[in-house]
Amino acid sequence: MGIVGPGRGVVWAAVGVAGVGSAGLVSLAVLGDLNAAGQVASVVGAVVGLAGVVTSVLALNSASDDVGGSQRLVRAERGGVAAGGDLIGNAIGHGAVVSGPRTPRRRPAGQPGRGEVRAGPDSVAAVGDIVDNAFGDDSRR
């Protein structure tokens, strides 16, 4: 997926500035003094490096804000089960079986949200409903 919206113009502007700057440095090195071109290149390199660091920090901060608002951290420790939504009709464990018709959903599917879901050792955690499941060895539903 490419860059869309105002970001596309910014990228093309940066490409244009980089092209003009490169052409200027090459012409200064060819037509002018090589020492002056080296000093200018050092300053330009430092400025571009600083701009890169600032851009990276901004990108990392905006990624943590997630545009859609659906970023969620889901973690399960050893033997645990964690779900970022509903757990419906699952058989978890050796010999576990789910049979028969599913229970009708009592509410609309959970809306994506932000936050953390964490299941500790040998535990189950979900953001939404936990319905029609068979948890544990040889369990039935």
Foldseek 3Di string as FASTA:
>chain_A
DDDDDPVVVVVVVVVVVVVVVVVVLVCCCVVHPVVVSVVVVVVVVVVVVVVVVVVVVVVVVVVVCDPVQQAEAEEEDAQEEEEAWEAFQEEEEAQGEQDDDGDDDPDPTDDGHYYYWYHYHNYYTYPYYYGRYFYYHNGYD
